[in-house]
């Protein structure tokens, strides 16, 4: 496997983690677990700042947050 492919997979993980953590944070807020939701949101924001195009990582975090909080079940 080349270094380019490994770098692409790492970048993909850096984009997917804020989305996933935002989703979990939204679900935690919806369930009434505010401290857990805040911790997940802060860690997702940290990972969102690590992703190379910064607005894209933060956009994925907010998208996950709205998807997790807005789900009706």
Protein backbone atom coordinates (compact mmCIF):
# COMPACT_ATOMS: atom_id res chain seq x y z
CA UNK A 1 0.00 0.00 0.00
CA UNK A 2 1.41 3.39 -0.93
CA UNK A 3 1.83 6.36 1.36
CA UNK A 4 -0.78 8.27 -0.63
CA UNK A 5 -3.41 5.60 0.04
CA UNK A 6 -2.54 5.54 3.74
CA UNK A 7 -2.71 9.33 3.90
CA UNK A 8 -6.10 9.29 2.18
CA UNK A 9 -7.44 6.73 4.67
CA UNK A 10 -6.21 8.83 7.59
CA UNK A 11 -7.82 11.93 6.11
CA UNK A 12 -11.06 10.02 5.60
CA UNK A 13 -10.98 8.93 9.25
CA UNK A 14 -10.35 12.53 10.35
CA UNK A 15 -13.46 13.57 8.42
CA UNK A 16 -15.63 10.67 9.60
CA UNK A 17 -14.82 10.92 13.32
CA UNK A 18 -16.24 14.44 13.83
CA UNK A 19 -19.41 13.36 12.01
CA UNK A 20 -19.75 10.27 14.21
CA UNK A 21 -18.93 12.11 17.44
CA UNK A 22 -21.37 14.89 16.56
CA UNK A 23 -24.06 12.28 15.97
CA UNK A 24 -23.36 10.62 19.32
CA UNK A 25 -23.30 14.02 21.02
CA UNK A 26 -26.70 14.92 19.60
CA UNK A 27 -28.12 11.59 20.75
CA UNK A 28 -26.68 12.13 24.24
CA UNK A 29 -28.22 15.61 24.50
CA UNK A 30 -31.54 14.26 23.34
CA UNK A 31 -31.45 11.52 26.00
CA UNK A 32 -30.75 14.11 28.73
CA UNK A 33 -27.07 13.29 29.25
CA UNK A 34 -25.65 16.78 28.86
CA UNK A 35 -22.18 16.17 30.29
CA UNK A 36 -21.60 13.19 28.01
CA UNK A 37 -22.86 15.19 25.05
CA UNK A 38 -20.59 18.10 25.88
CA UNK A 39 -17.55 15.85 26.16
CA UNK A 40 -18.28 14.20 22.83
CA UNK A 41 -18.88 17.61 21.24
CA UNK A 42 -15.60 19.03 22.55
CA UNK A 43 -13.59 16.03 21.37
CA UNK A 44 -15.33 16.18 18.00
CA UNK A 45 -14.46 19.88 17.73
CA UNK A 46 -10.83 19.07 18.52
CA UNK A 47 -10.78 16.45 15.78
CA UNK A 48 -12.60 18.83 13.45
CA UNK A 49 -9.78 21.34 13.90
CA UNK A 50 -7.23 18.65 13.05
CA UNK A 51 -8.75 17.88 9.65
CA UNK A 52 -6.83 19.81 6.98
CA UNK A 53 -9.62 21.95 5.51
CA UNK A 54 -10.85 23.21 8.88
CA UNK A 55 -14.31 24.36 7.81
CA UNK A 56 -15.04 20.90 6.38
CA UNK A 57 -14.23 19.10 9.65
CA UNK A 58 -16.37 21.50 11.64
CA UNK A 59 -19.16 21.24 9.07
CA UNK A 60 -19.15 17.46 9.50
CA UNK A 61 -19.31 17.91 13.27
CA UNK A 62 -22.35 20.18 13.03
CA UNK A 63 -23.97 17.92 10.47
CA UNK A 64 -23.59 14.94 12.80
CA UNK A 65 -24.90 16.97 15.72
CA UNK A 66 -28.05 17.96 13.84
CA UNK A 67 -28.56 14.43 12.53
CA UNK A 68 -28.22 12.94 16.01
CA UNK A 69 -30.38 15.52 17.76
CA UNK A 70 -33.06 15.70 15.09
CA UNK A 71 -33.80 11.99 14.77
CA UNK A 72 -37.27 11.07 15.88
CA UNK A 73 -37.72 7.56 17.24
